[in-house]
C-alpha atoms as a PDB file:
ATOM      1  CA  MET A   1      57.187  42.277 -16.425  1.00  0.00           C
ATOM      2  CA  ASN A   2      60.044  43.497 -14.266  1.00  0.00           C
ATOM      3  CA  ASP A   3      63.306  41.628 -13.870  1.00  0.00           C
ATOM      4  CA  TYR A   4      63.859  41.546 -10.135  1.00  0.00           C
ATOM      5  CA  SER A   5      66.829  39.142 -10.241  1.00  0.00           C
ATOM      6  CA  GLU A   6      69.655  41.530  -9.444  1.00  0.00           C
ATOM      7  CA  ASP A   7      67.800  43.432  -6.714  1.00  0.00           C
ATOM      8  CA  VAL A   8      66.583  40.190  -5.113  1.00  0.00           C
ATOM      9  CA  ARG A   9      70.146  38.847  -5.135  1.00  0.00           C
ATOM     10  CA  LEU A  10      71.442  42.034  -3.503  1.00  0.00           C
ATOM     11  CA  ALA A  11      68.574  42.112  -0.988  1.00  0.00           C
ATOM     12  CA  ARG A  12      69.336  38.500  -0.026  1.00  0.00           C
ATOM     13  CA  GLU A  13      72.887  39.659   0.724  1.00  0.00           C
ATOM     14  CA  GLY A  14      71.506  42.363   3.036  1.00  0.00           C
ATOM     15  CA  SER A  15      71.264  45.411   0.757  1.00  0.00           C
ATOM     16  CA  THR A  16      68.520  47.690   2.071  1.00  0.00           C
ATOM     17  CA  GLU A  17      68.839  49.857  -1.047  1.00  0.00           C
ATOM     18  CA  ALA A  18      68.042  46.884  -3.292  1.00  0.00           C
ATOM     19  CA  PHE A  19      65.032  45.965  -1.152  1.00  0.00           C
ATOM     20  CA  ALA A  20      63.877  49.599  -1.277  1.00  0.00           C
ATOM     21  CA  ARG A  21      63.984  49.443  -5.091  1.00  0.00           C
ATOM     22  CA  LEU A  22      61.928  46.240  -5.018  1.00  0.00           C
ATOM     23  CA  TYR A  23      59.432  47.822  -2.629  1.00  0.00           C
ATOM     24  CA  ALA A  24      59.146  50.909  -4.843  1.00  0.00           C
ATOM     25  CA  THR A  25      57.799  48.720  -7.657  1.00  0.00           C
ATOM     26  CA  VAL A  26      54.879  47.391  -5.576  1.00  0.00           C
ATOM     27  CA  TYR A  27      54.064  49.828  -2.766  1.00  0.00           C
ATOM     28  CA  GLU A  28      51.090  51.502  -4.464  1.00  0.00           C
ATOM     29  CA  ASP A  29      49.512  48.151  -5.355  1.00  0.00           C
ATOM     30  CA  LEU A  30      50.048  46.870  -1.818  1.00  0.00           C
ATOM     31  CA  TYR A  31      48.387  49.903  -0.268  1.00  0.00           C
ATOM     32  CA  HIS A  32      45.442  50.063  -2.685  1.00  0.00           C
ATOM     33  CA  ILE A  33      44.629  46.390  -2.222  1.00  0.00           C
ATOM     34  CA  ALA A  34      44.920  46.671   1.561  1.00  0.00           C
ATOM     35  CA  LEU A  35      42.785  49.822   1.628  1.00  0.00           C
ATOM     36  CA  TYR A  36      39.950  48.331  -0.373  1.00  0.00           C
ATOM     37  CA  SER A  37      40.084  45.066   1.529  1.00  0.00           C
ATOM     38  CA  LEU A  38      40.250  46.552   5.019  1.00  0.00           C
ATOM     39  CA  ARG A  39      38.332  49.813   4.430  1.00  0.00           C
ATOM     40  CA  SER A  40      40.563  51.724   6.836  1.00  0.00           C
ATOM     41  CA  PRO A  41      43.553  53.840   5.814  1.00  0.00           C
ATOM     42  CA  HIS A  42      45.224  53.193   9.165  1.00  0.00           C
ATOM     43  CA  ASP A  43      44.740  49.416   9.035  1.00  0.00           C
ATOM     44  CA  ALA A  44      45.852  49.388   5.400  1.00  0.00           C
ATOM     45  CA  ALA A  45      49.055  51.257   6.231  1.00  0.00           C
ATOM     46  CA  ASP A  46      49.749  48.968   9.210  1.00  0.00           C
ATOM     47  CA  THR A  47      49.134  45.861   7.135  1.00  0.00           C
ATOM     48  CA  VAL A  48      51.435  47.062   4.353  1.00  0.00           C
ATOM     49  CA  SER A  49      54.129  47.880   6.924  1.00  0.00           C
ATOM     50  CA  ASP A  50      53.836  44.403   8.438  1.00  0.00           C
ATOM     51  CA  THR A  51      53.979  42.880   4.962  1.00  0.00           C
ATOM     52  CA  VAL A  52      57.121  44.786   4.020  1.00  0.00           C
ATOM     53  CA  LEU A  53      58.821  43.927   7.298  1.00  0.00           C
ATOM     54  CA  ASP A  54      58.048  40.220   6.865  1.00  0.00           C
ATOM     55  CA  ALA A  55      59.176  40.328   3.234  1.00  0.00           C
ATOM     56  CA  PHE A  56      62.443  42.026   4.169  1.00  0.00           C
ATOM     57  CA  CYS A  57      63.118  39.500   6.927  1.00  0.00           C
ATOM     58  CA  SER A  58      62.341  36.516   4.719  1.00  0.00           C
ATOM     59  CA  ILE A  59      63.679  37.640   1.312  1.00  0.00           C
ATOM     60  CA  LYS A  60      66.218  34.799   1.502  1.00  0.00           C
ATOM     61  CA  LYS A  61      63.315  32.324   1.258  1.00  0.00           C
ATOM     62  CA  LEU A  62      62.212  33.685  -2.133  1.00  0.00           C
ATOM     63  CA  ARG A  63      63.302  30.980  -4.575  1.00  0.00           C
ATOM     64  CA  SER A  64      62.361  32.609  -7.875  1.00  0.00           C
ATOM     65  CA  PRO A  65      63.277  36.295  -8.153  1.00  0.00           C
ATOM     66  CA  GLU A  66      60.881  36.766 -11.085  1.00  0.00           C
ATOM     67  CA  LYS A  67      58.013  35.901  -8.722  1.00  0.00           C
ATOM     68  CA  PHE A  68      58.808  38.698  -6.262  1.00  0.00           C
ATOM     69  CA  ARG A  69      55.553  40.547  -6.988  1.00  0.00           C
ATOM     70  CA  SER A  70      53.272  37.546  -6.450  1.00  0.00           C
ATOM     71  CA  TRP A  71      55.347  36.472  -3.420  1.00  0.00           C
ATOM     72  CA  ILE A  72      54.892  39.799  -1.625  1.00  0.00           C
ATOM     73  CA  MET A  73      51.200  39.912  -2.633  1.00  0.00           C
ATOM     74  CA  THR A  74      50.754  36.477  -1.046  1.00  0.00           C
ATOM     75  CA  ILE A  75      52.242  37.820   2.182  1.00  0.00           C
ATOM     76  CA  LEU A  76      49.879  40.819   1.957  1.00  0.00           C
ATOM     77  CA  ALA A  77      46.820  38.601   1.386  1.00  0.00           C
ATOM     78  CA  ALA A  78      47.670  36.572   4.502  1.00  0.00           C
ATOM     79  CA  LYS A  79      48.134  39.759   6.543  1.00  0.00           C
ATOM     80  CA  ILE A  80      44.806  41.148   5.293  1.00  0.00           C
ATOM     81  CA  LYS A  81      42.970  37.952   6.247  1.00  0.00           C
ATOM     82  CA  ARG A  82      44.577  37.965   9.694  1.00  0.00           C
ATOM     83  CA  LYS A  83      43.632  41.623  10.209  1.00  0.00           C
ATOM     84  CA  GLN A  84      40.049  40.992   9.107  1.00  0.00           C
ATOM     85  CA  ARG A  85      39.732  38.154  11.621  1.00  0.00           C
ATOM     86  CA  SER A  86      40.948  40.468  14.365  1.00  0.00           C
ATOM     87  CA  TYR A  87      38.084  42.923  13.948  1.00  0.00           C
ATOM     88  CA  PHE A  88      35.616  42.836  16.806  1.00  0.00           C
ATOM     89  CA  GLU A  89      32.640  44.174  14.929  1.00  0.00           C
ATOM     90  CA  PRO A  90      31.148  42.647  11.768  1.00  0.00           C
ATOM     91  CA  ALA A  91      32.273  44.269   8.520  1.00  0.00           C
ATOM     92  CA  ASP A  92      28.764  45.657   7.871  1.00  0.00           C
ATOM     93  CA  GLU A  93      28.860  47.667  11.108  1.00  0.00           C
ATOM     94  CA  LEU A  94      32.182  49.440  10.592  1.00  0.00           C
ATOM     95  CA  ASN A  95      32.425  53.112  11.371  1.00  0.00           C
ATOM     96  CA  GLU A  96      30.576  55.262   8.854  1.00  0.00           C
ATOM     97  CA  ASN A  97      33.318  57.908   9.080  1.00  0.00           C
ATOM     98  CA  THR A  98      35.905  55.690   7.373  1.00  0.00           C
ATOM     99  CA  ASP A  99      37.169  57.610   4.345  1.00  0.00           C
ATOM    100  CA  LEU A 100      37.810  55.219   1.462  1.00  0.00           C
ATOM    101  CA  THR A 101      38.273  57.968  -1.091  1.00  0.00           C
ATOM    102  CA  GLU A 102      41.705  59.056   0.120  1.00  0.00           C
ATOM    103  CA  SER A 103      43.441  57.831  -3.038  1.00  0.00           C
ATOM    104  CA  PHE A 104      40.481  57.072  -5.289  1.00  0.00           C
ATOM    105  CA  ASP A 105      37.516  59.042  -6.439  1.00  0.00           C
ATOM    106  CA  PHE A 106      34.236  57.173  -6.823  1.00  0.00           C
ATOM    107  CA  GLU A 107      31.851  58.718  -9.320  1.00  0.00           C
ATOM    108  CA  SER A 108      28.798  57.855  -7.275  1.00  0.00           C
ATOM    109  CA  VAL A 109      27.816  57.153  -3.718  1.00  0.00           C
ATOM    110  CA  GLU A 110      25.897  54.107  -4.933  1.00  0.00           C
ATOM    111  CA  LEU A 111      29.026  52.494  -6.365  1.00  0.00           C
ATOM    112  CA  ARG A 112      30.987  53.109  -3.171  1.00  0.00           C
ATOM    113  CA  GLU A 113      28.197  51.637  -1.049  1.00  0.00           C
ATOM    114  CA  ALA A 114      27.825  48.612  -3.343  1.00  0.00           C
ATOM    115  CA  VAL A 115      31.571  47.884  -3.120  1.00  0.00           C
ATOM    116  CA  GLU A 116      31.540  48.345   0.670  1.00  0.00           C
ATOM    117  CA  ASN A 117      28.691  45.839   0.958  1.00  0.00           C
ATOM    118  CA  LEU A 118      30.719  43.085  -0.710  1.00  0.00           C
ATOM    119  CA  ASP A 119      32.237  40.412   1.503  1.00  0.00           C
ATOM    120  CA  THR A 120      35.938  40.771   2.277  1.00  0.00           C
ATOM    121  CA  GLU A 121      37.171  38.153  -0.209  1.00  0.00           C
ATOM    122  CA  SER A 122      35.089  39.695  -3.000  1.00  0.00           C
ATOM    123  CA  ARG A 123      36.551  43.140  -2.281  1.00  0.00           C
ATOM    124  CA  LEU A 124      40.064  41.653  -2.368  1.00  0.00           C
ATOM    125  CA  LEU A 125      39.479  39.903  -5.709  1.00  0.00           C
ATOM    126  CA  LEU A 126      37.794  42.965  -7.223  1.00  0.00           C
ATOM    127  CA  SER A 127      40.492  45.373  -6.067  1.00  0.00           C
ATOM    128  CA  MET A 128      43.288  43.173  -7.394  1.00  0.00           C
ATOM    129  CA  SER A 129      41.540  42.718 -10.746  1.00  0.00           C
ATOM    130  CA  VAL A 130      39.866  46.030 -11.471  1.00  0.00           C
ATOM    131  CA  LEU A 131      41.946  48.542  -9.542  1.00  0.00           C
ATOM    132  CA  GLU A 132      45.402  47.034  -9.937  1.00  0.00           C
ATOM    133  CA  GLY A 133      44.998  45.042 -13.161  1.00  0.00           C
ATOM    134  CA  TYR A 134      46.179  41.642 -11.963  1.00  0.00           C
ATOM    135  CA  SER A 135      45.299  38.667 -14.177  1.00  0.00           C
ATOM    136  CA  SER A 136      43.260  35.747 -12.889  1.00  0.00           C
ATOM    137  CA  ASP A 137      46.448  33.647 -12.902  1.00  0.00           C
ATOM    138  CA  GLU A 138      48.264  36.170 -10.706  1.00  0.00           C
ATOM    139  CA  ILE A 139      45.302  36.503  -8.342  1.00  0.00           C
ATOM    140  CA  SER A 140      45.087  32.715  -8.238  1.00  0.00           C
ATOM    141  CA  GLN A 141      48.699  32.448  -7.066  1.00  0.00           C
ATOM    142  CA  VAL A 142      48.229  35.110  -4.391  1.00  0.00           C
ATOM    143  CA  CYS A 143      44.914  33.821  -3.026  1.00  0.00           C
ATOM    144  CA  GLY A 144      45.562  30.109  -3.450  1.00  0.00           C
ATOM    145  CA  ILE A 145      42.511  29.386  -5.608  1.00  0.00           C
ATOM    146  CA  LYS A 146      42.192  28.131  -9.188  1.00  0.00           C
ATOM    147  CA  PRO A 147      42.298  30.726 -12.014  1.00  0.00           C
ATOM    148  CA  SER A 148      38.933  29.492 -13.292  1.00  0.00           C
ATOM    149  CA  THR A 149      37.448  30.034  -9.821  1.00  0.00           C
ATOM    150  CA  VAL A 150      38.866  33.563  -9.766  1.00  0.00           C
ATOM    151  CA  ARG A 151      37.284  34.300 -13.150  1.00  0.00           C
ATOM    152  CA  SER A 152      33.883  32.914 -12.175  1.00  0.00           C
ATOM    153  CA  ARG A 153      33.878  34.769  -8.846  1.00  0.00           C
ATOM    154  CA  LEU A 154      34.838  38.024 -10.557  1.00  0.00           C
ATOM    155  CA  THR A 155      32.042  37.519 -13.072  1.00  0.00           C
ATOM    156  CA  ARG A 156      29.517  36.979 -10.262  1.00  0.00           C
ATOM    157  CA  ILE A 157      30.843  39.966  -8.289  1.00  0.00           C
ATOM    158  CA  LYS A 158      30.586  42.258 -11.316  1.00  0.00           C
ATOM    159  CA  GLN A 159      27.126  40.922 -12.135  1.00  0.00           C
ATOM    160  CA  LYS A 160      26.003  41.545  -8.553  1.00  0.00           C
ATOM    161  CA  LEU A 161      27.322  45.118  -8.688  1.00  0.00           C
ATOM    162  CA  ARG A 162      25.676  45.670 -12.068  1.00  0.00           C
ATOM    163  CA  LEU A 163      22.313  44.480 -10.701  1.00  0.00           C
ATOM    164  CA  GLU A 164      22.621  46.690  -7.625  1.00  0.00           C
ATOM    165  CA  LEU A 165      23.562  49.747  -9.669  1.00  0.00           C
ATOM    166  CA  THR A 166      21.086  49.334 -12.524  1.00  0.00           C
ATOM    167  CA  PRO A 167      17.939  51.390 -11.896  1.00  0.00           C
ATOM    168  CA  GLU A 168      14.729  49.423 -11.936  1.00  0.00           C
ATOM    169  CA  LEU A 169      12.361  50.236 -14.763  1.00  0.00           C
END
């Protein structure tokens, strides 16, 4: 676990360099989660930019420096949900040309399609857990749900994917 105390203190005092160091510790996680939740590299980049801007402007409100990571992830989760609500077309009808493999390489088309067919909250939980390695407690803090609920939802999501990807005999 990183000790963000000094950089948070400096960022609160207006140091852009300190905030840049803080951002450097989370930028890949922010982008990967946004990409898998929104399924659009452009929307993911915009959402991360909005998140970072809001975090920079409100860093003085962060009470516990050690919680910087979960604090900025909470901002990201809210931005993702807002962006998803702004879409005019249902998630199942999004443009087929969207390239989700920009940073990741799926081993099979079936896996990619199965993940794309998940609802938006399931994709968010799965990406935070599997892709970025967040614990159920951390995901719980970011998403505002109980850790036990996170664990049970992840179990159901993985079971659903397993059933979809297992060939019938």
